Amino acid sequence: MSLIKANTDASGENLIIAERLSKVYRSFWGLPRVRALNGVDFAVPRGSVFGLLGPNGSGKTTIIKLLLGLAKPTAGRAVVLGKPAGDQKARARIGYLPEESYLYPFLSADQTLDFYGKLFGMNKRTRRERSEQLLDTMGLDRRDRRRKVGAYSKGMARRIGLAQALINDPDLIILDEPTTGLDPIGTVQMKELIKKFQQQGKTVFLSSHLLADVEDVCDRILILYRGQVKMVGAVDELLSLKDVFELRAKNVSEELQNKLTDMVETSGAETISAGAQRARLEELFKRVVAEEISKSK
């Protein structure tokens, strides 16, 4: 049964649809060697921030390659921006940040963005204006912009990598481990940027192993294990603890605190709440993986 359900926004549009997506990597002789994906179903609504989670080897990178058209599925299909995955016109509307930022070390930041702007057919004025805007957003001053990218720290190179992914003002942004190499401040800034992208109406599809980061920015997640979907849905729904409640208040008098405590003790309940409490994404992820490991024993 398909796992795609109610995954549309108000307009009813999904920017990414994967149906029974499978990928088998074969040996030199054409024999099946590794089954990276096995019947994966999911959909990414327009304007959402969708997180892809899974242990190493679960198939996250393979999914990204299939969505970008860098690999072909063995079975199933992927539709991106209304076109088959890999369609040239659709790819012109995608921004992609790989896990490792492969940049030309002899170019400056300005030259790097100008180069990628040319690849998208942007005129000189548009390239200059867009580059200035993105470098301002990334927090690079004039001196840093003139330095060769090869002399950048990993964190600074990561910022330029993100800037090049945004040079074409994409509708869909695909981020593979976006906070890799960033210090705590850079990580916070990256998460703020992702939220800003969503506010601008863009759709973000990200893969990460940092569960706290995913929980902070994503509204939908998918958990992969050995190439299969184990859980998919809205973060708030998946992390909601139906039988646990909490009440948070300020300026509560000691008298009221005592009354609340008495109510808890006399009712037999463990907590009182004005709303549902959430678990941490890390707890959910560990539980799903532990269940799959126990099944395989």
Protein backbone atom coordinates (compact mmCIF):
# COMPACT_ATOMS: atom_id res chain seq x y z
CA MET A 1 0.00 0.00 0.00
CA SER A 2 1.29 3.45 -0.93
CA LEU A 3 2.52 5.66 1.88
CA ILE A 4 1.51 8.80 -0.02
CA LYS A 5 -1.53 10.26 1.70
CA ALA A 6 -2.73 13.79 2.37
CA ASN A 7 0.72 15.12 1.49
CA THR A 8 -0.51 18.16 -0.42
CA ASP A 9 -0.76 21.82 0.41
CA ALA A 10 -3.76 24.06 -0.14
CA SER A 11 -3.13 24.05 -3.89
CA GLY A 12 -2.93 20.26 -3.93
CA GLU A 13 0.53 20.32 -5.53
CA ASN A 14 3.45 18.06 -4.68
CA LEU A 15 6.81 19.21 -6.04
CA ILE A 16 8.29 15.74 -5.56
CA ILE A 17 6.50 12.41 -5.97
CA ALA A 18 8.19 9.04 -5.59
CA GLU A 19 6.20 5.90 -6.35
CA ARG A 20 7.54 2.39 -5.69
CA LEU A 21 11.03 3.75 -6.26
CA SER A 22 13.66 0.99 -6.32
CA LYS A 23 17.34 0.90 -7.14
CA VAL A 24 19.62 -2.11 -7.49
CA TYR A 25 23.32 -1.54 -8.11
CA ARG A 26 24.79 -4.26 -10.28
CA SER A 27 28.25 -5.74 -10.62
CA PHE A 28 30.49 -5.47 -13.68
CA TRP A 29 28.82 -8.63 -15.00
CA GLY A 30 25.33 -7.20 -14.58
CA LEU A 31 24.47 -9.29 -11.55
CA PRO A 32 22.50 -7.72 -8.66
CA ARG A 33 24.94 -6.59 -6.00
CA VAL A 34 23.27 -4.09 -3.67
CA ARG A 35 19.58 -3.21 -3.31
CA ALA A 36 19.80 0.43 -2.24
CA LEU A 37 16.06 1.19 -2.40
CA ASN A 38 13.04 -1.08 -2.28
CA GLY A 39 9.61 0.31 -3.17
CA VAL A 40 9.94 3.79 -1.69
CA ASP A 41 6.82 6.01 -1.70
CA PHE A 42 6.67 9.63 -0.58
CA ALA A 43 5.52 13.08 -1.64
CA VAL A 44 6.85 16.54 -0.86
CA PRO A 45 4.24 19.35 -0.85
CA ARG A 46 5.03 22.77 -2.25
CA GLY A 47 6.30 25.15 0.43
CA SER A 48 7.31 22.44 2.90
CA VAL A 49 10.64 21.57 4.51
CA PHE A 50 10.98 17.81 4.11
CA GLY A 51 13.63 15.87 6.03
CA LEU A 52 15.16 12.59 4.91
CA LEU A 53 16.59 10.52 7.77
CA GLY A 54 18.31 7.17 8.02
CA PRO A 55 21.49 5.42 9.15
CA ASN A 56 24.49 5.24 6.83
CA GLY A 57 23.71 2.95 3.93
CA SER A 58 19.96 3.40 4.19
CA GLY A 59 19.61 4.90 0.69
CA LYS A 60 19.46 8.66 1.35
CA THR A 61 22.13 9.58 -1.20
CA THR A 62 20.59 7.25 -3.76
CA ILE A 63 17.23 9.02 -3.44
CA ILE A 64 18.89 12.39 -4.04
CA LYS A 65 20.71 11.04 -7.09
CA LEU A 66 17.46 9.68 -8.51
CA LEU A 67 15.61 12.96 -7.93
CA LEU A 68 18.37 14.91 -9.69
CA GLY A 69 18.54 12.48 -12.59
CA LEU A 70 22.12 11.50 -11.75
CA ALA A 71 21.03 7.86 -11.57
CA LYS A 72 18.14 5.88 -13.05
CA PRO A 73 15.72 3.81 -10.95
CA THR A 74 15.58 0.07 -11.43
CA ALA A 75 11.82 0.24 -10.89
CA GLY A 76 9.21 2.83 -9.99
CA ARG A 77 9.27 6.49 -10.88
CA ALA A 78 10.12 9.92 -9.51
CA VAL A 79 8.42 13.15 -10.59
CA VAL A 80 10.10 16.45 -9.76
CA LEU A 81 8.43 19.82 -10.45
CA GLY A 82 5.85 18.07 -12.59
CA LYS A 83 8.45 16.43 -14.85
CA PRO A 84 10.20 13.05 -14.84
CA ALA A 85 13.29 13.22 -12.61
CA GLY A 86 16.25 14.48 -14.62
CA ASP A 87 14.23 16.63 -17.01
CA GLN A 88 16.46 19.52 -18.11
CA LYS A 89 13.84 22.25 -17.69
CA ALA A 90 12.93 21.00 -14.23
CA ARG A 91 16.59 20.88 -13.17
CA ALA A 92 16.95 24.56 -14.08
CA ARG A 93 14.50 25.27 -11.23
CA ILE A 94 16.43 23.21 -8.66
CA GLY A 95 19.21 24.34 -6.34
CA TYR A 96 21.48 21.56 -5.04
CA LEU A 97 24.02 21.60 -2.23
CA PRO A 98 25.96 18.30 -2.09
CA GLU A 99 27.45 16.93 1.11
CA GLU A 100 30.89 18.09 -0.05
CA SER A 101 31.13 21.49 -1.74
CA TYR A 102 33.20 20.97 -4.89
CA LEU A 103 34.37 24.47 -5.83
CA TYR A 104 37.13 25.73 -8.12
CA PRO A 105 39.89 26.72 -5.65
CA PHE A 106 41.46 29.34 -7.93
CA LEU A 107 38.25 31.42 -8.21
CA SER A 108 37.12 34.07 -5.73
CA ALA A 109 33.60 34.02 -4.24
CA ASP A 110 32.44 36.66 -6.74
CA GLN A 111 33.94 34.74 -9.65
CA THR A 112 32.44 31.46 -8.43
CA LEU A 113 28.90 32.79 -8.38
CA ASP A 114 29.42 34.60 -11.68
CA PHE A 115 30.56 31.31 -13.23
CA TYR A 116 27.49 29.38 -12.04
CA GLY A 117 25.23 32.25 -13.08
CA LYS A 118 26.59 31.96 -16.62
CA LEU A 119 25.72 28.25 -16.63
CA PHE A 120 22.08 29.24 -16.06
CA GLY A 121 22.20 31.79 -18.89
CA MET A 122 21.85 34.82 -16.61
CA ASN A 123 22.92 38.17 -18.02
CA LYS A 124 25.82 40.10 -16.48
CA ARG A 125 23.68 42.59 -14.55
CA THR A 126 21.47 39.88 -13.07
CA ARG A 127 24.51 37.81 -12.13
CA ARG A 128 26.12 40.74 -10.35
CA GLU A 129 22.97 41.71 -8.45
CA ARG A 130 22.19 38.13 -7.46
CA SER A 131 25.78 37.49 -6.35
CA GLU A 132 25.82 40.62 -4.20
CA GLN A 133 22.54 39.63 -2.57
CA LEU A 134 23.65 36.07 -1.83
CA LEU A 135 27.08 37.03 -0.49
CA ASP A 136 25.43 39.56 1.81
CA THR A 137 23.06 36.84 2.99
CA MET A 138 26.00 34.49 3.64
CA GLY A 139 27.77 37.17 5.68
CA LEU A 140 30.93 37.48 3.56
CA ASP A 141 32.60 40.88 3.69
CA ARG A 142 34.41 42.55 0.79
CA ARG A 143 37.82 41.17 1.70
CA ASP A 144 36.57 37.58 1.93
CA ARG A 145 34.80 37.89 -1.41
CA ARG A 146 38.09 38.67 -3.16
CA ARG A 147 39.98 35.75 -1.62
CA LYS A 148 40.42 32.50 -3.52
CA VAL A 149 37.91 29.86 -2.47
CA GLY A 150 40.76 27.40 -1.98
CA ALA A 151 41.92 29.45 1.01
CA TYR A 152 38.52 29.32 2.73
CA SER A 153 37.78 27.36 5.87
CA LYS A 154 35.37 24.46 5.49
CA GLY A 155 32.58 26.53 7.00
CA MET A 156 33.14 29.43 4.60
CA ALA A 157 33.34 27.07 1.64
CA ARG A 158 30.03 25.60 2.78
CA ARG A 159 28.44 29.04 2.65
CA ILE A 160 29.70 29.63 -0.89
CA GLY A 161 28.38 26.18 -1.81
CA LEU A 162 24.94 27.19 -0.58
CA ALA A 163 25.16 30.51 -2.43
CA GLN A 164 25.88 28.73 -5.72
CA ALA A 165 22.91 26.44 -5.09
CA LEU A 166 20.71 29.54 -4.85
CA ILE A 167 22.14 31.55 -7.74
CA ASN A 168 19.25 30.58 -10.05
CA ASP A 169 16.58 31.52 -7.45
CA PRO A 170 15.27 27.91 -7.44
CA ASP A 171 11.76 26.72 -6.58
CA LEU A 172 13.12 23.50 -5.07
CA ILE A 173 16.23 23.43 -2.88
CA ILE A 174 17.89 20.05 -2.21
CA LEU A 175 20.39 20.07 0.65
CA ASP A 176 22.60 17.09 1.52
CA GLU A 177 23.93 17.44 5.09
CA PRO A 178 23.63 21.27 4.97
CA THR A 179 25.27 21.92 8.37
CA THR A 180 28.39 19.85 7.64
CA GLY A 181 31.52 21.81 8.57
CA LEU A 182 29.64 24.66 10.24
CA ASP A 183 30.33 25.88 13.77
CA PRO A 184 27.40 26.36 16.20
CA ILE A 185 26.78 29.92 15.01
CA GLY A 186 26.94 28.85 11.37
CA THR A 187 24.54 26.00 12.10
CA VAL A 188 22.02 28.39 13.64
CA GLN A 189 22.37 30.71 10.64
CA MET A 190 21.85 27.81 8.23
CA LYS A 191 18.65 26.76 10.01
CA GLU A 192 17.41 30.35 9.96
CA LEU A 193 18.08 30.48 6.21
CA ILE A 194 16.11 27.27 5.65
CA LYS A 195 13.16 28.74 7.54
CA LYS A 196 13.51 31.92 5.47
CA PHE A 197 13.42 29.88 2.25
CA GLN A 198 10.12 28.38 3.35
CA GLN A 199 8.72 31.83 4.18
CA GLN A 200 9.63 32.87 0.63
CA GLY A 201 7.48 30.02 -0.70
CA LYS A 202 10.33 27.73 -1.64
CA THR A 203 10.36 23.98 -1.03
CA VAL A 204 13.31 22.44 0.80
CA PHE A 205 14.27 18.76 0.67
CA LEU A 206 17.13 17.98 3.03
CA SER A 207 19.05 14.93 4.14
CA SER A 208 20.80 15.01 7.49
CA HIS A 209 22.03 12.77 10.29
CA LEU A 210 21.74 15.61 12.84
CA LEU A 211 18.32 14.87 14.27
CA ALA A 212 18.04 18.04 16.34
CA ASP A 213 18.60 20.16 13.22
CA VAL A 214 15.94 18.26 11.29
CA GLU A 215 13.47 18.61 14.14
CA ASP A 216 14.08 22.35 14.33
CA VAL A 217 13.36 23.12 10.66
CA CYS A 218 11.32 20.30 9.08
CA ASP A 219 7.54 20.00 9.05
CA ARG A 220 7.59 16.54 7.44
CA ILE A 221 10.10 13.69 7.70
CA LEU A 222 10.79 10.28 6.22
CA ILE A 223 12.82 7.63 8.01
CA LEU A 224 14.64 5.10 5.81
CA TYR A 225 16.17 1.82 6.91
CA ARG A 226 17.93 -0.53 4.48
CA GLY A 227 16.24 1.08 1.51
CA GLN A 228 12.69 0.92 2.87
CA VAL A 229 10.38 3.57 4.29
CA LYS A 230 9.76 2.88 7.96
CA MET A 231 7.94 6.07 8.88
CA VAL A 232 6.72 9.18 7.06
CA GLY A 233 4.50 12.06 8.08
CA ALA A 234 4.19 15.43 9.76
CA VAL A 235 6.73 16.01 12.54
CA ASP A 236 4.12 17.27 15.00
CA GLU A 237 1.98 14.16 14.47
CA LEU A 238 4.85 11.68 14.69
CA LEU A 239 6.31 13.22 17.84
CA SER A 240 3.05 13.85 19.65
CA LEU A 241 2.73 11.86 22.88
CA LYS A 242 -0.99 11.20 23.18
CA ASP A 243 -0.89 10.02 26.78
CA VAL A 244 1.48 12.71 28.14
CA PHE A 245 0.48 16.32 28.85
CA GLU A 246 2.11 19.34 30.38
CA LEU A 247 1.09 22.79 31.57
CA ARG A 248 3.46 25.73 31.30
CA ALA A 249 2.72 29.05 32.97
CA LYS A 250 4.45 32.15 34.33
CA ASN A 251 3.86 34.03 37.55
CA VAL A 252 2.15 31.07 39.23
CA SER A 253 1.62 31.68 42.95
CA GLU A 254 2.69 29.14 45.53
CA GLU A 255 -0.94 28.66 46.51
CA LEU A 256 -1.91 27.75 42.95
CA GLN A 257 1.08 25.44 42.63
CA ASN A 258 -0.08 23.57 45.73
CA LYS A 259 -3.60 23.28 44.39
CA LEU A 260 -2.34 21.87 41.10
CA THR A 261 -0.13 19.42 42.92
CA ASP A 262 -3.09 18.29 45.05
CA MET A 263 -5.20 17.80 41.93
CA VAL A 264 -2.51 15.60 40.38
CA GLU A 265 -2.14 13.49 43.51
CA THR A 266 -5.88 13.01 44.07
CA SER A 267 -6.69 12.26 40.42
CA GLY A 268 -4.00 9.62 40.05
CA ALA A 269 -2.60 11.36 36.97
CA GLU A 270 1.11 11.94 36.57
CA THR A 271 0.84 15.29 34.76
CA ILE A 272 -1.64 18.06 33.98
CA SER A 273 -1.61 19.69 30.56
CA ALA A 274 -3.10 22.39 28.40
CA GLY A 275 -1.78 20.69 25.29
CA ALA A 276 0.00 17.64 23.94
CA GLN A 277 3.67 17.16 24.79
CA ARG A 278 6.15 16.17 22.09
CA ALA A 279 8.88 13.59 22.17
CA ARG A 280 12.28 14.38 20.71
CA LEU A 281 12.97 13.32 17.14
CA GLU A 282 16.10 11.54 18.36
CA GLU A 283 13.95 9.27 20.54
CA LEU A 284 11.62 8.42 17.66
CA PHE A 285 14.49 7.74 15.26
CA LYS A 286 16.32 5.48 17.72
CA ARG A 287 13.12 3.53 18.41
CA VAL A 288 12.43 2.93 14.70
CA VAL A 289 16.00 1.78 14.01
CA ALA A 290 16.10 -0.42 17.12
CA GLU A 291 12.87 -2.13 16.04
CA GLU A 292 14.31 -2.87 12.60
CA ILE A 293 17.55 -4.23 14.06
CA SER A 294 15.59 -6.55 16.38
CA LYS A 295 13.52 -7.81 13.45
CA SER A 296 16.64 -8.71 11.46
CA LYS A 297 18.11 -10.84 14.28
